[in-house]
Amino acid sequence: MSIMFNNQLRQILLLGLIILLGGMLVSELYIFLPGFLGGVTLYILLLKWSISI
């Protein structure tokens, strides 16, 4: 039972760390988010033409 609790606690802490780092990354790079979304949109819209060439 103690080993299972340790594994579960380790997984919860790792998930919390990943969420915390992801939140910090989004908050620090918030200025670049519109440009990234615009680039993804253009990529999706022009994908058909770039494959046919």
N, C-alpha and C. Protein backbone atom coordinates (compact mmCIF):
# COMPACT_ATOMS: atom_id res chain seq x y z
N MET A 1 0.82 -1.19 0.00
CA MET A 1 0.00 0.00 0.00
C MET A 1 0.87 1.26 0.00
N SER A 2 1.99 1.22 0.70
CA SER A 2 2.87 2.38 0.77
C SER A 2 3.52 2.66 -0.58
N ILE A 3 3.88 1.62 -1.32
CA ILE A 3 4.50 1.80 -2.63
C ILE A 3 3.50 2.42 -3.59
N MET A 4 2.24 1.96 -3.54
CA MET A 4 1.22 2.51 -4.43
C MET A 4 0.98 3.98 -4.11
N PHE A 5 0.98 4.34 -2.84
CA PHE A 5 0.78 5.73 -2.44
C PHE A 5 1.94 6.59 -2.93
N ASN A 6 3.16 6.07 -2.85
CA ASN A 6 4.33 6.82 -3.33
C ASN A 6 4.24 7.05 -4.83
N ASN A 7 3.85 6.03 -5.60
CA ASN A 7 3.73 6.18 -7.04
C ASN A 7 2.63 7.17 -7.40
N GLN A 8 1.51 7.10 -6.70
CA GLN A 8 0.41 8.02 -6.98
C GLN A 8 0.80 9.44 -6.61
N LEU A 9 1.48 9.63 -5.51
CA LEU A 9 1.93 10.95 -5.09
C LEU A 9 2.94 11.50 -6.08
N ARG A 10 3.85 10.66 -6.56
CA ARG A 10 4.84 11.09 -7.54
C ARG A 10 4.17 11.51 -8.84
N GLN A 11 3.16 10.78 -9.27
CA GLN A 11 2.45 11.12 -10.50
C GLN A 11 1.69 12.44 -10.35
N ILE A 12 1.08 12.67 -9.21
CA ILE A 12 0.35 13.91 -8.96
C ILE A 12 1.31 15.09 -8.94
N LEU A 13 2.45 14.93 -8.28
CA LEU A 13 3.44 16.01 -8.24
C LEU A 13 4.01 16.30 -9.62
N LEU A 14 4.26 15.28 -10.42
CA LEU A 14 4.78 15.47 -11.76
C LEU A 14 3.75 16.17 -12.64
N LEU A 15 2.50 15.77 -12.53
CA LEU A 15 1.43 16.43 -13.29
C LEU A 15 1.28 17.89 -12.88
N GLY A 16 1.36 18.16 -11.59
CA GLY A 16 1.30 19.54 -11.11
C GLY A 16 2.47 20.37 -11.62
N LEU A 17 3.66 19.79 -11.66
CA LEU A 17 4.84 20.48 -12.17
C LEU A 17 4.69 20.78 -13.65
N ILE A 18 4.18 19.84 -14.43
CA ILE A 18 3.97 20.04 -15.86
C ILE A 18 2.95 21.15 -16.09
N ILE A 19 1.86 21.16 -15.33
CA ILE A 19 0.84 22.20 -15.47
C ILE A 19 1.40 23.56 -15.07
N LEU A 20 2.19 23.61 -14.02
CA LEU A 20 2.80 24.86 -13.58
C LEU A 20 3.76 25.40 -14.63
N LEU A 21 4.62 24.54 -15.18
CA LEU A 21 5.55 24.99 -16.22
C LEU A 21 4.82 25.41 -17.48
N GLY A 22 3.75 24.71 -17.85
CA GLY A 22 2.96 25.09 -19.01
C GLY A 22 2.29 26.43 -18.81
N GLY A 23 1.78 26.68 -17.63
CA GLY A 23 1.17 27.97 -17.32
C GLY A 23 2.18 29.10 -17.37
N MET A 24 3.37 28.87 -16.83
CA MET A 24 4.41 29.89 -16.88
C MET A 24 4.84 30.16 -18.32
N LEU A 25 4.93 29.12 -19.12
CA LEU A 25 5.32 29.27 -20.52
C LEU A 25 4.29 30.10 -21.28
N VAL A 26 3.02 29.80 -21.08
CA VAL A 26 1.96 30.55 -21.76
C VAL A 26 1.94 32.00 -21.28
N SER A 27 2.11 32.23 -19.99
CA SER A 27 2.06 33.59 -19.47
C SER A 27 3.25 34.42 -19.95
N GLU A 28 4.42 33.81 -20.10
CA GLU A 28 5.59 34.55 -20.54
C GLU A 28 5.59 34.77 -22.06
N LEU A 29 5.03 33.85 -22.82
CA LEU A 29 5.05 33.95 -24.28
C LEU A 29 3.69 34.40 -24.83
N TYR A 30 2.88 35.05 -24.00
CA TYR A 30 1.54 35.46 -24.39
C TYR A 30 1.56 36.44 -25.56
N ILE A 31 2.60 37.26 -25.66
CA ILE A 31 2.71 38.24 -26.74
C ILE A 31 2.82 37.55 -28.10
N PHE A 32 3.47 36.40 -28.14
CA PHE A 32 3.69 35.70 -29.40
C PHE A 32 2.54 34.79 -29.80
N LEU A 33 1.53 34.65 -28.96
CA LEU A 33 0.43 33.73 -29.22
C LEU A 33 -0.37 34.10 -30.47
N PRO A 34 -0.74 35.36 -30.74
CA PRO A 34 -1.47 35.67 -31.97
C PRO A 34 -0.67 35.34 -33.23
N GLY A 35 0.62 35.60 -33.21
CA GLY A 35 1.46 35.27 -34.36
C GLY A 35 1.53 33.77 -34.60
N PHE A 36 1.64 33.01 -33.53
CA PHE A 36 1.68 31.55 -33.65
C PHE A 36 0.36 31.02 -34.20
N LEU A 37 -0.76 31.53 -33.69
CA LEU A 37 -2.06 31.07 -34.16
C LEU A 37 -2.28 31.47 -35.62
N GLY A 38 -1.80 32.66 -36.01
CA GLY A 38 -1.89 33.08 -37.40
C GLY A 38 -1.06 32.19 -38.30
N GLY A 39 0.12 31.82 -37.85
CA GLY A 39 0.97 30.92 -38.63
C GLY A 39 0.34 29.54 -38.80
N VAL A 40 -0.27 29.03 -37.75
CA VAL A 40 -0.96 27.73 -37.84
C VAL A 40 -2.14 27.82 -38.79
N THR A 41 -2.87 28.93 -38.73
CA THR A 41 -4.01 29.12 -39.63
C THR A 41 -3.56 29.16 -41.09
N LEU A 42 -2.51 29.92 -41.38
CA LEU A 42 -2.00 29.99 -42.76
C LEU A 42 -1.49 28.63 -43.22
N TYR A 43 -0.84 27.90 -42.33
CA TYR A 43 -0.35 26.57 -42.68
C TYR A 43 -1.51 25.65 -43.07
N ILE A 44 -2.59 25.68 -42.29
CA ILE A 44 -3.74 24.83 -42.57
C ILE A 44 -4.41 25.24 -43.88
N LEU A 45 -4.54 26.56 -44.10
CA LEU A 45 -5.21 27.03 -45.30
C LEU A 45 -4.40 26.74 -46.56
N LEU A 46 -3.08 26.81 -46.50
CA LEU A 46 -2.24 26.64 -47.68
C LEU A 46 -1.68 25.23 -47.83
N LEU A 47 -2.07 24.33 -46.94
CA LEU A 47 -1.54 22.97 -46.99
C LEU A 47 -1.90 22.25 -48.28
N LYS A 48 -3.13 22.46 -48.77
CA LYS A 48 -3.58 21.78 -49.98
C LYS A 48 -2.71 22.17 -51.17
N TRP A 49 -2.37 23.46 -51.29
CA TRP A 49 -1.57 23.92 -52.43
C TRP A 49 -0.11 23.50 -52.30
N SER A 50 0.40 23.43 -51.07
CA SER A 50 1.80 23.05 -50.94
C SER A 50 2.02 21.56 -51.20
N ILE A 51 1.01 20.73 -50.98
CA ILE A 51 1.15 19.30 -51.27
C ILE A 51 1.08 19.04 -52.77
N SER A 52 0.24 19.79 -53.50
CA SER A 52 0.05 19.53 -54.91
C SER A 52 1.23 20.00 -55.77
N ILE A 53 2.10 20.84 -55.23
CA ILE A 53 3.23 21.35 -56.02
C ILE A 53 4.34 20.33 -56.08
